[in-house]
Amino acid sequence: MPRAFITGITGQDGFHLAEFLHDKGYDVYGMVKGQNNPRAAKLQEELPFLELVPGDLADLPSLVAALQIAQPDEVYNLGAISFVALSFSQAELTANITGLGVLRMLEAIRMVGGTQNNPIRFYQASSSEMFGKVRETPQTELTPFHPRSPYGCAKVFGHDIVVNYRESYDLFACSGILFNHEGPRRGLEFVTRKVTNAAARIKLGLQHELVMGTLDAKRDWGYAGDYVKGMWMMLQQDQPDDFVLATGETQSVQDLVELSFAAVGIDDWQQYVRQDPKFYRPAEVDLLIGDPAKAKAQLGWEPEVDFSTLIHMMVENDLAIEAAKGR
């Protein structure tokens, strides 16, 4: 059976990817940081097939030890300080984990898999936030980067070091430049889940208002379950390469709010939403929209869940969760 090792296993993408790979017949190993990680027990309950291995992207020896335990055919580096807003107040930590963590993982792969004919295939979770103040629309694999947050800057380093190791050491190393991808397992700190959860709670009378930053920013939003399939597809190619995964469509934050409230039967959403400057970023990314033509042509990858279906899925999940809490 093929073996896969996933960092960031406790996040949304880690969960989806572990399920997907298990269904493909993989032995799946997930890296968790620290003793008695509070998410580990719940993860083992939901994914009983998963083997958890200790490790930390800030500590190279722990990554070497984790890979020696897992002996993976494929490594998926999804681990990061991934909340963009937080990266402004914790810039050094973000650079260390989200940026240098990629370098450490590549070095660990070279140590465990060997410096010649390394059999381990590596996937790096790059991000559309690398484009930032976009130079062209839509964005492709060749669009220049202009990141607008410490998170985006760290992701650019991670992306570039993957290219460097691929060219320098002949590693099978790929980066997926994924545009925003969401789902019911998204954390409440992210704007999509913040909005869908608030709409559900307001409908149930558990919350009275939703406080937001800008409503004008536009994003290319897809479903996380579709995107993890693309990650796997990248590592099944004959040659390593980088790919944009996106829907090729864009919606504003206001579109997200309107659709979420409409999904619970509230049309006059304006009376429940208040904007507060404290939620504005020091440097905003106004528009992101990806061109997935290369992924479609070379991988055969297509997003299957559209934006409306995605938001309804998330709202229905939040209604069920919040109603259960009430009971």
C-alpha atoms as a PDB file:
ATOM      1  CA  MET A   1       0.000   0.000   0.000  1.00  0.00           C
ATOM      2  CA  PRO A   2       1.297   3.504  -0.761  1.00  0.00           C
ATOM      3  CA  ARG A   3       2.079   5.644   2.285  1.00  0.00           C
ATOM      4  CA  ALA A   4       1.318   9.347   2.679  1.00  0.00           C
ATOM      5  CA  PHE A   5       2.530  11.799   5.313  1.00  0.00           C
ATOM      6  CA  ILE A   6       0.501  14.983   5.919  1.00  0.00           C
ATOM      7  CA  THR A   7       1.462  18.057   7.919  1.00  0.00           C
ATOM      8  CA  GLY A   8      -1.394  20.335   8.942  1.00  0.00           C
ATOM      9  CA  ILE A   9      -3.514  17.218   9.515  1.00  0.00           C
ATOM     10  CA  THR A  10      -5.707  18.997  12.088  1.00  0.00           C
ATOM     11  CA  GLY A  11      -6.825  21.623   9.567  1.00  0.00           C
ATOM     12  CA  GLN A  12      -9.621  21.571   7.030  1.00  0.00           C
ATOM     13  CA  ASP A  13      -7.489  20.390   4.092  1.00  0.00           C
ATOM     14  CA  GLY A  14      -5.675  17.788   6.165  1.00  0.00           C
ATOM     15  CA  PHE A  15      -8.955  16.138   7.116  1.00  0.00           C
ATOM     16  CA  HIS A  16     -10.273  16.118   3.536  1.00  0.00           C
ATOM     17  CA  LEU A  17      -6.960  14.849   2.142  1.00  0.00           C
ATOM     18  CA  ALA A  18      -6.661  12.067   4.734  1.00  0.00           C
ATOM     19  CA  GLU A  19     -10.159  10.818   3.871  1.00  0.00           C
ATOM     20  CA  PHE A  20      -9.446  11.015   0.136  1.00  0.00           C
ATOM     21  CA  LEU A  21      -6.128   9.138   0.360  1.00  0.00           C
ATOM     22  CA  HIS A  22      -7.580   6.477   2.665  1.00  0.00           C
ATOM     23  CA  ASP A  23     -10.311   5.834   0.099  1.00  0.00           C
ATOM     24  CA  LYS A  24      -7.523   5.486  -2.494  1.00  0.00           C
ATOM     25  CA  GLY A  25      -5.939   2.705  -0.427  1.00  0.00           C
ATOM     26  CA  TYR A  26      -3.136   4.676   1.234  1.00  0.00           C
ATOM     27  CA  ASP A  27      -1.708   4.210   4.695  1.00  0.00           C
ATOM     28  CA  VAL A  28      -2.054   7.761   6.034  1.00  0.00           C
ATOM     29  CA  TYR A  29       0.222   9.384   8.617  1.00  0.00           C
ATOM     30  CA  GLY A  30      -0.521  12.814  10.074  1.00  0.00           C
ATOM     31  CA  MET A  31       1.897  15.057  11.953  1.00  0.00           C
ATOM     32  CA  VAL A  32       0.753  16.673  15.194  1.00  0.00           C
ATOM     33  CA  LYS A  33       2.647  19.194  17.282  1.00  0.00           C
ATOM     34  CA  GLY A  34       3.180  18.840  21.021  1.00  0.00           C
ATOM     35  CA  GLN A  35       2.079  16.403  23.679  1.00  0.00           C
ATOM     36  CA  ASN A  36      -1.627  15.954  24.337  1.00  0.00           C
ATOM     37  CA  ASN A  37      -2.594  18.018  21.309  1.00  0.00           C
ATOM     38  CA  PRO A  38      -6.249  18.904  22.010  1.00  0.00           C
ATOM     39  CA  ARG A  39      -7.285  18.173  18.423  1.00  0.00           C
ATOM     40  CA  ALA A  40      -5.595  14.768  18.235  1.00  0.00           C
ATOM     41  CA  ALA A  41      -8.209  12.755  20.148  1.00  0.00           C
ATOM     42  CA  LYS A  42     -11.088  14.160  18.097  1.00  0.00           C
ATOM     43  CA  LEU A  43      -9.148  13.537  14.892  1.00  0.00           C
ATOM     44  CA  GLN A  44      -8.500   9.891  15.824  1.00  0.00           C
ATOM     45  CA  GLU A  45     -12.187   9.465  16.647  1.00  0.00           C
ATOM     46  CA  GLU A  46     -13.263  10.816  13.249  1.00  0.00           C
ATOM     47  CA  LEU A  47     -10.428   9.199  11.248  1.00  0.00           C
ATOM     48  CA  PRO A  48      -9.658   5.912  13.061  1.00  0.00           C
ATOM     49  CA  PHE A  49      -7.382   4.748  10.217  1.00  0.00           C
ATOM     50  CA  LEU A  50      -5.009   7.695  10.724  1.00  0.00           C
ATOM     51  CA  GLU A  51      -1.566   7.165  12.286  1.00  0.00           C
ATOM     52  CA  LEU A  52      -0.458  10.248  14.225  1.00  0.00           C
ATOM     53  CA  VAL A  53       3.247  11.100  14.419  1.00  0.00           C
ATOM     54  CA  PRO A  54       4.799  13.892  16.540  1.00  0.00           C
ATOM     55  CA  GLY A  55       6.681  16.662  14.760  1.00  0.00           C
ATOM     56  CA  ASP A  56       7.106  20.407  14.399  1.00  0.00           C
ATOM     57  CA  LEU A  57       7.816  22.477  11.267  1.00  0.00           C
ATOM     58  CA  ALA A  58      10.083  24.661  13.447  1.00  0.00           C
ATOM     59  CA  ASP A  59      12.308  21.694  14.349  1.00  0.00           C
ATOM     60  CA  LEU A  60      14.244  19.835  11.640  1.00  0.00           C
ATOM     61  CA  PRO A  61      15.253  16.781  13.762  1.00  0.00           C
ATOM     62  CA  SER A  62      11.590  16.133  14.605  1.00  0.00           C
ATOM     63  CA  LEU A  63      10.720  16.172  10.887  1.00  0.00           C
ATOM     64  CA  VAL A  64      13.487  13.686  10.126  1.00  0.00           C
ATOM     65  CA  ALA A  65      12.247  11.422  12.919  1.00  0.00           C
ATOM     66  CA  ALA A  66       8.632  11.688  11.696  1.00  0.00           C
ATOM     67  CA  LEU A  67       9.598  10.734   8.144  1.00  0.00           C
ATOM     68  CA  GLN A  68      11.675   7.820   9.407  1.00  0.00           C
ATOM     69  CA  ILE A  69       8.605   6.521  11.216  1.00  0.00           C
ATOM     70  CA  ALA A  70       6.192   7.038   8.328  1.00  0.00           C
ATOM     71  CA  GLN A  71       8.534   6.046   5.466  1.00  0.00           C
ATOM     72  CA  PRO A  72       6.192   7.837   3.042  1.00  0.00           C
ATOM     73  CA  ASP A  73       5.943   7.667  -0.720  1.00  0.00           C
ATOM     74  CA  GLU A  74       4.265  11.078  -0.717  1.00  0.00           C
ATOM     75  CA  VAL A  75       4.547  14.084   1.620  1.00  0.00           C
ATOM     76  CA  TYR A  76       1.855  16.770   1.653  1.00  0.00           C
ATOM     77  CA  ASN A  77       2.998  19.925   3.451  1.00  0.00           C
ATOM     78  CA  LEU A  78      -0.251  21.648   4.446  1.00  0.00           C
ATOM     79  CA  GLY A  79       1.012  22.888   7.809  1.00  0.00           C
ATOM     80  CA  ALA A  80       1.345  26.659   8.248  1.00  0.00           C
ATOM     81  CA  ILE A  81       0.364  29.677  10.301  1.00  0.00           C
ATOM     82  CA  SER A  82      -2.498  30.070   7.864  1.00  0.00           C
ATOM     83  CA  PHE A  83      -4.676  32.921   9.167  1.00  0.00           C
ATOM     84  CA  VAL A  84      -3.709  35.952   7.070  1.00  0.00           C
ATOM     85  CA  ALA A  85      -4.913  38.582   9.570  1.00  0.00           C
ATOM     86  CA  LEU A  86      -2.870  36.976  12.379  1.00  0.00           C
ATOM     87  CA  SER A  87       0.298  37.144  10.284  1.00  0.00           C
ATOM     88  CA  PHE A  88       0.428  40.922  10.680  1.00  0.00           C
ATOM     89  CA  SER A  89       0.729  40.634  14.468  1.00  0.00           C
ATOM     90  CA  GLN A  90       2.862  37.457  14.438  1.00  0.00           C
ATOM     91  CA  ALA A  91       5.024  38.076  11.397  1.00  0.00           C
ATOM     92  CA  GLU A  92       8.181  36.358  12.652  1.00  0.00           C
ATOM     93  CA  LEU A  93       6.325  33.209  13.713  1.00  0.00           C
ATOM     94  CA  THR A  94       4.550  33.134  10.339  1.00  0.00           C
ATOM     95  CA  ALA A  95       7.852  33.458   8.466  1.00  0.00           C
ATOM     96  CA  ASN A  96       9.403  30.688  10.565  1.00  0.00           C
ATOM     97  CA  ILE A  97       6.606  28.127  10.165  1.00  0.00           C
ATOM     98  CA  THR A  98       4.954  29.030   6.849  1.00  0.00           C
ATOM     99  CA  GLY A  99       8.220  29.903   5.086  1.00  0.00           C
ATOM    100  CA  LEU A 100      11.217  28.205   6.692  1.00  0.00           C
ATOM    101  CA  GLY A 101       9.067  25.191   7.603  1.00  0.00           C
ATOM    102  CA  VAL A 102       9.003  24.303   3.894  1.00  0.00           C
ATOM    103  CA  LEU A 103      12.813  24.418   3.720  1.00  0.00           C
ATOM    104  CA  ARG A 104      13.106  22.182   6.796  1.00  0.00           C
ATOM    105  CA  MET A 105      10.689  19.637   5.328  1.00  0.00           C
ATOM    106  CA  LEU A 106      12.607  19.529   2.029  1.00  0.00           C
ATOM    107  CA  GLU A 107      15.856  19.005   3.939  1.00  0.00           C
ATOM    108  CA  ALA A 108      14.253  16.221   5.987  1.00  0.00           C
ATOM    109  CA  ILE A 109      13.111  14.533   2.767  1.00  0.00           C
ATOM    110  CA  ARG A 110      16.683  14.692   1.407  1.00  0.00           C
ATOM    111  CA  MET A 111      18.054  13.206   4.630  1.00  0.00           C
ATOM    112  CA  VAL A 112      15.553  10.346   4.794  1.00  0.00           C
ATOM    113  CA  GLY A 113      15.053   9.634   1.085  1.00  0.00           C
ATOM    114  CA  GLY A 114      18.620  10.187  -0.022  1.00  0.00           C
ATOM    115  CA  THR A 115      20.430  12.755  -2.148  1.00  0.00           C
ATOM    116  CA  GLN A 116      20.286  10.625  -5.319  1.00  0.00           C
ATOM    117  CA  ASN A 117      17.091   9.289  -6.937  1.00  0.00           C
ATOM    118  CA  ASN A 118      15.015  10.323  -3.943  1.00  0.00           C
ATOM    119  CA  PRO A 119      11.766   8.303  -4.106  1.00  0.00           C
ATOM    120  CA  ILE A 120       9.684  10.655  -1.922  1.00  0.00           C
ATOM    121  CA  ARG A 121       7.276  12.923  -3.796  1.00  0.00           C
ATOM    122  CA  PHE A 122       6.525  16.295  -2.187  1.00  0.00           C
ATOM    123  CA  TYR A 123       3.522  18.608  -2.391  1.00  0.00           C
ATOM    124  CA  GLN A 124       3.673  22.178  -1.087  1.00  0.00           C
ATOM    125  CA  ALA A 125       0.518  24.160  -0.308  1.00  0.00           C
ATOM    126  CA  SER A 126       1.195  27.462  -2.034  1.00  0.00           C
ATOM    127  CA  SER A 127      -1.443  30.192  -1.937  1.00  0.00           C
ATOM    128  CA  SER A 128      -3.210  32.753  -4.111  1.00  0.00           C
ATOM    129  CA  GLU A 129      -2.228  35.287  -1.415  1.00  0.00           C
ATOM    130  CA  MET A 130       1.206  35.268  -3.053  1.00  0.00           C
ATOM    131  CA  PHE A 131      -0.271  37.309  -5.937  1.00  0.00           C
ATOM    132  CA  GLY A 132      -1.490  40.020  -3.549  1.00  0.00           C
ATOM    133  CA  LYS A 133      -1.580  43.292  -5.464  1.00  0.00           C
ATOM    134  CA  VAL A 134      -2.212  41.496  -8.702  1.00  0.00           C
ATOM    135  CA  ARG A 135      -0.257  42.321 -11.864  1.00  0.00           C
ATOM    136  CA  GLU A 136      -2.779  40.665 -14.193  1.00  0.00           C
ATOM    137  CA  THR A 137      -6.268  39.154 -14.095  1.00  0.00           C
ATOM    138  CA  PRO A 138      -6.881  36.250 -13.997  1.00  0.00           C
ATOM    139  CA  GLN A 139      -3.767  34.912 -12.291  1.00  0.00           C
ATOM    140  CA  THR A 140      -1.816  31.985 -13.760  1.00  0.00           C
ATOM    141  CA  GLU A 141       1.293  30.009 -12.823  1.00  0.00           C
ATOM    142  CA  LEU A 142       3.380  32.705 -14.558  1.00  0.00           C
ATOM    143  CA  THR A 143       1.796  35.778 -12.933  1.00  0.00           C
ATOM    144  CA  PRO A 144       4.414  37.719 -10.889  1.00  0.00           C
ATOM    145  CA  PHE A 145       3.985  37.695  -7.108  1.00  0.00           C
ATOM    146  CA  HIS A 146       3.307  40.855  -5.077  1.00  0.00           C
ATOM    147  CA  PRO A 147       2.265  39.625  -1.606  1.00  0.00           C
ATOM    148  CA  ARG A 148       0.416  42.006   0.711  1.00  0.00           C
ATOM    149  CA  SER A 149       0.830  40.244   4.071  1.00  0.00           C
ATOM    150  CA  PRO A 150       3.563  38.458   6.043  1.00  0.00           C
ATOM    151  CA  TYR A 151       1.636  35.259   5.291  1.00  0.00           C
ATOM    152  CA  GLY A 152       1.810  35.925   1.553  1.00  0.00           C
ATOM    153  CA  CYS A 153       5.528  36.752   1.781  1.00  0.00           C
ATOM    154  CA  ALA A 154       6.233  33.520   3.680  1.00  0.00           C
ATOM    155  CA  LYS A 155       4.278  31.518   1.094  1.00  0.00           C
ATOM    156  CA  VAL A 156       6.358  33.090  -1.703  1.00  0.00           C
ATOM    157  CA  PHE A 157       9.558  31.908  -0.001  1.00  0.00           C
ATOM    158  CA  GLY A 158       8.090  28.422   0.412  1.00  0.00           C
ATOM    159  CA  HIS A 159       7.027  28.336  -3.222  1.00  0.00           C
ATOM    160  CA  ASP A 160      10.400  29.525  -4.520  1.00  0.00           C
ATOM    161  CA  ILE A 161      12.420  27.138  -2.350  1.00  0.00           C
ATOM    162  CA  VAL A 162      10.396  24.224  -3.766  1.00  0.00           C
ATOM    163  CA  VAL A 163      11.360  25.319  -7.283  1.00  0.00           C
ATOM    164  CA  ASN A 164      14.999  25.647  -6.153  1.00  0.00           C
ATOM    165  CA  TYR A 165      15.141  22.159  -4.612  1.00  0.00           C
ATOM    166  CA  ARG A 166      13.423  20.652  -7.645  1.00  0.00           C
ATOM    167  CA  GLU A 167      15.988  22.198  -9.972  1.00  0.00           C
ATOM    168  CA  SER A 168      19.012  21.761  -7.704  1.00  0.00           C
ATOM    169  CA  TYR A 169      18.465  18.249  -6.336  1.00  0.00           C
ATOM    170  CA  ASP A 170      16.074  16.684  -8.872  1.00  0.00           C
ATOM    171  CA  LEU A 171      13.399  16.174  -6.206  1.00  0.00           C
ATOM    172  CA  PHE A 172       9.866  15.393  -7.310  1.00  0.00           C
ATOM    173  CA  ALA A 173       8.499  18.526  -5.675  1.00  0.00           C
ATOM    174  CA  CYS A 174       5.313  20.336  -6.708  1.00  0.00           C
ATOM    175  CA  SER A 175       3.426  23.380  -5.490  1.00  0.00           C
ATOM    176  CA  GLY A 176      -0.302  23.853  -5.803  1.00  0.00           C
ATOM    177  CA  ILE A 177      -1.228  27.547  -5.995  1.00  0.00           C
ATOM    178  CA  LEU A 178      -4.657  27.110  -4.468  1.00  0.00           C
ATOM    179  CA  PHE A 179      -7.196  29.881  -4.480  1.00  0.00           C
ATOM    180  CA  ASN A 180      -9.640  30.166  -1.576  1.00  0.00           C
ATOM    181  CA  HIS A 181     -11.230  26.811  -0.829  1.00  0.00           C
ATOM    182  CA  GLU A 182     -13.747  26.385   1.939  1.00  0.00           C
ATOM    183  CA  GLY A 183     -16.148  23.920   3.519  1.00  0.00           C
ATOM    184  CA  PRO A 184     -18.000  22.993   6.699  1.00  0.00           C
ATOM    185  CA  ARG A 185     -14.716  22.126   8.430  1.00  0.00           C
ATOM    186  CA  ARG A 186     -13.255  25.617   7.935  1.00  0.00           C
ATOM    187  CA  GLY A 187     -12.273  27.343  11.203  1.00  0.00           C
ATOM    188  CA  LEU A 188     -14.508  30.074  12.605  1.00  0.00           C
ATOM    189  CA  GLU A 189     -11.698  32.628  12.325  1.00  0.00           C
ATOM    190  CA  PHE A 190     -11.944  32.540   8.514  1.00  0.00           C
ATOM    191  CA  VAL A 191     -14.393  34.955   6.898  1.00  0.00           C
ATOM    192  CA  THR A 192     -16.479  32.357   5.048  1.00  0.00           C
ATOM    193  CA  ARG A 193     -17.214  30.279   8.130  1.00  0.00           C
ATOM    194  CA  LYS A 194     -17.568  33.409  10.280  1.00  0.00           C
ATOM    195  CA  VAL A 195     -20.355  34.578   7.954  1.00  0.00           C
ATOM    196  CA  THR A 196     -22.165  31.251   7.489  1.00  0.00           C
ATOM    197  CA  ASN A 197     -22.050  30.544  11.225  1.00  0.00           C
ATOM    198  CA  ALA A 198     -23.310  34.038  12.078  1.00  0.00           C
ATOM    199  CA  ALA A 199     -26.204  33.696   9.616  1.00  0.00           C
ATOM    200  CA  ALA A 200     -27.179  30.397  11.252  1.00  0.00           C
ATOM    201  CA  ARG A 201     -26.918  31.794  14.783  1.00  0.00           C
ATOM    202  CA  ILE A 202     -28.905  34.933  13.897  1.00  0.00           C
ATOM    203  CA  LYS A 203     -31.619  32.763  12.341  1.00  0.00           C
ATOM    204  CA  LEU A 204     -31.784  30.714  15.545  1.00  0.00           C
ATOM    205  CA  GLY A 205     -31.842  33.822  17.756  1.00  0.00           C
ATOM    206  CA  LEU A 206     -28.438  33.052  19.285  1.00  0.00           C
ATOM    207  CA  GLN A 207     -26.661  36.127  17.879  1.00  0.00           C
ATOM    208  CA  HIS A 208     -27.826  39.635  16.989  1.00  0.00           C
ATOM    209  CA  GLU A 209     -25.253  41.026  14.574  1.00  0.00           C
ATOM    210  CA  LEU A 210     -22.306  40.192  12.344  1.00  0.00           C
ATOM    211  CA  VAL A 211     -19.323  42.544  12.583  1.00  0.00           C
ATOM    212  CA  MET A 212     -17.184  42.656   9.428  1.00  0.00           C
ATOM    213  CA  GLY A 213     -14.283  44.471   7.830  1.00  0.00           C
ATOM    214  CA  THR A 214     -14.403  45.266   4.127  1.00  0.00           C
ATOM    215  CA  LEU A 215     -17.285  43.892   2.060  1.00  0.00           C
ATOM    216  CA  ASP A 216     -15.707  44.871  -1.259  1.00  0.00           C
ATOM    217  CA  ALA A 217     -12.815  42.394  -1.482  1.00  0.00           C
ATOM    218  CA  LYS A 218     -13.319  39.742  -4.163  1.00  0.00           C
ATOM    219  CA  ARG A 219     -12.130  36.146  -4.053  1.00  0.00           C
ATOM    220  CA  ASP A 220     -12.206  32.980  -6.112  1.00  0.00           C
ATOM    221  CA  TRP A 221     -13.950  30.522  -3.756  1.00  0.00           C
ATOM    222  CA  GLY A 222     -14.182  26.755  -4.258  1.00  0.00           C
ATOM    223  CA  TYR A 223     -14.828  23.612  -2.197  1.00  0.00           C
ATOM    224  CA  ALA A 224     -11.916  22.113  -0.244  1.00  0.00           C
ATOM    225  CA  GLY A 225     -12.964  18.551  -1.093  1.00  0.00           C
ATOM    226  CA  ASP A 226     -12.399  19.274  -4.792  1.00  0.00           C
ATOM    227  CA  TYR A 227      -9.006  20.855  -4.207  1.00  0.00           C
ATOM    228  CA  VAL A 228      -7.389  18.001  -2.258  1.00  0.00           C
ATOM    229  CA  LYS A 229      -8.056  15.756  -5.247  1.00  0.00           C
ATOM    230  CA  GLY A 230      -5.964  18.180  -7.302  1.00  0.00           C
ATOM    231  CA  MET A 231      -3.120  17.922  -4.774  1.00  0.00           C
ATOM    232  CA  TRP A 232      -3.009  14.169  -5.234  1.00  0.00           C
ATOM    233  CA  MET A 233      -3.213  14.472  -9.027  1.00  0.00           C
ATOM    234  CA  MET A 234      -0.083  16.654  -9.055  1.00  0.00           C
ATOM    235  CA  LEU A 235       1.972  13.889  -7.423  1.00  0.00           C
ATOM    236  CA  GLN A 236       0.770  11.275  -9.930  1.00  0.00           C
ATOM    237  CA  GLN A 237       2.355  13.026 -12.938  1.00  0.00           C
ATOM    238  CA  ASP A 238       5.491  11.811 -14.725  1.00  0.00           C
ATOM    239  CA  GLN A 239       7.256  15.138 -14.108  1.00  0.00           C
ATOM    240  CA  PRO A 240       6.881  17.589 -11.189  1.00  0.00           C
ATOM    241  CA  ASP A 241       5.322  20.961 -11.918  1.00  0.00           C
ATOM    242  CA  ASP A 242       3.296  23.735 -10.275  1.00  0.00           C
ATOM    243  CA  PHE A 243      -0.412  24.283 -10.871  1.00  0.00           C
ATOM    244  CA  VAL A 244      -3.094  26.872 -10.113  1.00  0.00           C
ATOM    245  CA  LEU A 245      -6.283  25.363  -8.707  1.00  0.00           C
ATOM    246  CA  ALA A 246      -9.227  27.756  -8.889  1.00  0.00           C
ATOM    247  CA  THR A 247     -12.801  28.058 -10.147  1.00  0.00           C
ATOM    248  CA  GLY A 248     -12.081  30.926 -12.543  1.00  0.00           C
ATOM    249  CA  GLU A 249     -14.978  32.888 -11.020  1.00  0.00           C
ATOM    250  CA  THR A 250     -15.007  35.616  -8.382  1.00  0.00           C
ATOM    251  CA  GLN A 251     -17.461  36.819  -5.734  1.00  0.00           C
ATOM    252  CA  SER A 252     -17.259  39.680  -3.259  1.00  0.00           C
ATOM    253  CA  VAL A 253     -17.454  39.362   0.506  1.00  0.00           C
ATOM    254  CA  GLN A 254     -20.839  41.082   0.213  1.00  0.00           C
ATOM    255  CA  ASP A 255     -21.984  38.314  -2.178  1.00  0.00           C
ATOM    256  CA  LEU A 256     -20.929  35.808   0.494  1.00  0.00           C
ATOM    257  CA  VAL A 257     -22.944  37.653   3.147  1.00  0.00           C
ATOM    258  CA  GLU A 258     -26.053  38.010   0.986  1.00  0.00           C
ATOM    259  CA  LEU A 259     -26.060  34.352  -0.036  1.00  0.00           C
ATOM    260  CA  SER A 260     -25.485  33.114   3.519  1.00  0.00           C
ATOM    261  CA  PHE A 261     -28.363  35.140   4.922  1.00  0.00           C
ATOM    262  CA  ALA A 262     -30.613  34.188   1.999  1.00  0.00           C
ATOM    263  CA  ALA A 263     -29.877  30.526   2.766  1.00  0.00           C
ATOM    264  CA  VAL A 264     -31.534  30.948   6.180  1.00  0.00           C
ATOM    265  CA  GLY A 265     -34.429  32.991   4.766  1.00  0.00           C
ATOM    266  CA  ILE A 266     -33.206  36.481   5.729  1.00  0.00           C
ATOM    267  CA  ASP A 267     -33.359  38.973   2.852  1.00  0.00           C
ATOM    268  CA  ASP A 268     -32.732  42.227   4.780  1.00  0.00           C
ATOM    269  CA  TRP A 269     -29.207  41.248   5.787  1.00  0.00           C
ATOM    270  CA  GLN A 270     -28.080  44.894   6.073  1.00  0.00           C
ATOM    271  CA  GLN A 271     -29.814  45.375   9.430  1.00  0.00           C
ATOM    272  CA  TYR A 272     -27.716  42.574  10.947  1.00  0.00           C
ATOM    273  CA  VAL A 273     -24.295  43.512   9.534  1.00  0.00           C
ATOM    274  CA  ARG A 274     -21.992  46.208  10.896  1.00  0.00           C
ATOM    275  CA  GLN A 275     -18.539  47.149   9.585  1.00  0.00           C
ATOM    276  CA  ASP A 276     -15.729  47.913  12.021  1.00  0.00           C
ATOM    277  CA  PRO A 277     -12.332  49.346  10.959  1.00  0.00           C
ATOM    278  CA  LYS A 278     -10.553  47.070  13.442  1.00  0.00           C
ATOM    279  CA  PHE A 279     -11.143  44.207  10.998  1.00  0.00           C
ATOM    280  CA  TYR A 280      -9.449  46.026   8.101  1.00  0.00           C
ATOM    281  CA  ARG A 281      -5.989  44.759   7.167  1.00  0.00           C
ATOM    282  CA  PRO A 282      -2.982  47.120   6.951  1.00  0.00           C
ATOM    283  CA  ALA A 283      -2.705  46.121   3.278  1.00  0.00           C
ATOM    284  CA  GLU A 284      -5.743  44.573   1.598  1.00  0.00           C
ATOM    285  CA  VAL A 285      -5.866  42.198  -1.353  1.00  0.00           C
ATOM    286  CA  ASP A 286      -8.737  43.539  -3.450  1.00  0.00           C
ATOM    287  CA  LEU A 287      -9.213  40.939  -6.178  1.00  0.00           C
ATOM    288  CA  LEU A 288      -8.120  37.354  -6.706  1.00  0.00           C
ATOM    289  CA  ILE A 289      -9.333  35.162  -9.563  1.00  0.00           C
ATOM    290  CA  GLY A 290      -7.416  32.166 -10.829  1.00  0.00           C
ATOM    291  CA  ASP A 291      -7.027  30.591 -14.259  1.00  0.00           C
ATOM    292  CA  PRO A 292      -7.022  26.775 -13.814  1.00  0.00           C
ATOM    293  CA  ALA A 293      -6.521  26.056 -17.528  1.00  0.00           C
ATOM    294  CA  LYS A 294      -3.176  24.275 -17.006  1.00  0.00           C
ATOM    295  CA  ALA A 295      -4.599  22.008 -14.281  1.00  0.00           C
ATOM    296  CA  LYS A 296      -7.579  21.182 -16.474  1.00  0.00           C
ATOM    297  CA  ALA A 297      -5.408  20.400 -19.505  1.00  0.00           C
ATOM    298  CA  GLN A 298      -2.577  18.464 -17.826  1.00  0.00           C
ATOM    299  CA  LEU A 299      -4.220  16.953 -14.737  1.00  0.00           C
ATOM    300  CA  GLY A 300      -7.803  16.629 -15.918  1.00  0.00           C
ATOM    301  CA  TRP A 301      -8.848  18.480 -12.766  1.00  0.00           C
ATOM    302  CA  GLU A 302     -12.182  20.329 -12.592  1.00  0.00           C
ATOM    303  CA  PRO A 303     -13.927  21.957  -9.607  1.00  0.00           C
ATOM    304  CA  GLU A 304     -17.271  20.226  -9.057  1.00  0.00           C
ATOM    305  CA  VAL A 305     -19.006  22.285  -6.332  1.00  0.00           C
ATOM    306  CA  ASP A 306     -20.080  25.817  -7.297  1.00  0.00           C
ATOM    307  CA  PHE A 307     -20.118  28.822  -4.949  1.00  0.00           C
ATOM    308  CA  SER A 308     -23.850  28.770  -4.211  1.00  0.00           C
ATOM    309  CA  THR A 309     -23.828  25.046  -3.400  1.00  0.00           C
ATOM    310  CA  LEU A 310     -20.745  25.520  -1.204  1.00  0.00           C
ATOM    311  CA  ILE A 311     -22.312  28.301   0.883  1.00  0.00           C
ATOM    312  CA  HIS A 312     -25.598  26.422   1.286  1.00  0.00           C
ATOM    313  CA  MET A 313     -23.607  23.367   2.403  1.00  0.00           C
ATOM    314  CA  MET A 314     -21.775  25.428   5.020  1.00  0.00           C
ATOM    315  CA  VAL A 315     -24.916  27.192   6.272  1.00  0.00           C
ATOM    316  CA  GLU A 316     -26.819  23.905   6.636  1.00  0.00           C
ATOM    317  CA  ASN A 317     -23.913  22.463   8.611  1.00  0.00           C
ATOM    318  CA  ASP A 318     -23.791  25.512  10.910  1.00  0.00           C
ATOM    319  CA  LEU A 319     -27.562  25.407  11.447  1.00  0.00           C
ATOM    320  CA  ALA A 320     -27.278  21.774  12.539  1.00  0.00           C
ATOM    321  CA  ILE A 321     -24.320  22.459  14.848  1.00  0.00           C
ATOM    322  CA  GLU A 322     -25.864  25.507  16.508  1.00  0.00           C
ATOM    323  CA  ALA A 323     -29.298  23.906  16.877  1.00  0.00           C
ATOM    324  CA  ALA A 324     -27.674  20.881  18.544  1.00  0.00           C
ATOM    325  CA  LYS A 325     -25.877  23.186  20.987  1.00  0.00           C
ATOM    326  CA  GLY A 326     -29.210  24.774  21.849  1.00  0.00           C
ATOM    327  CA  ARG A 327     -30.712  21.383  22.654  1.00  0.00           C
END
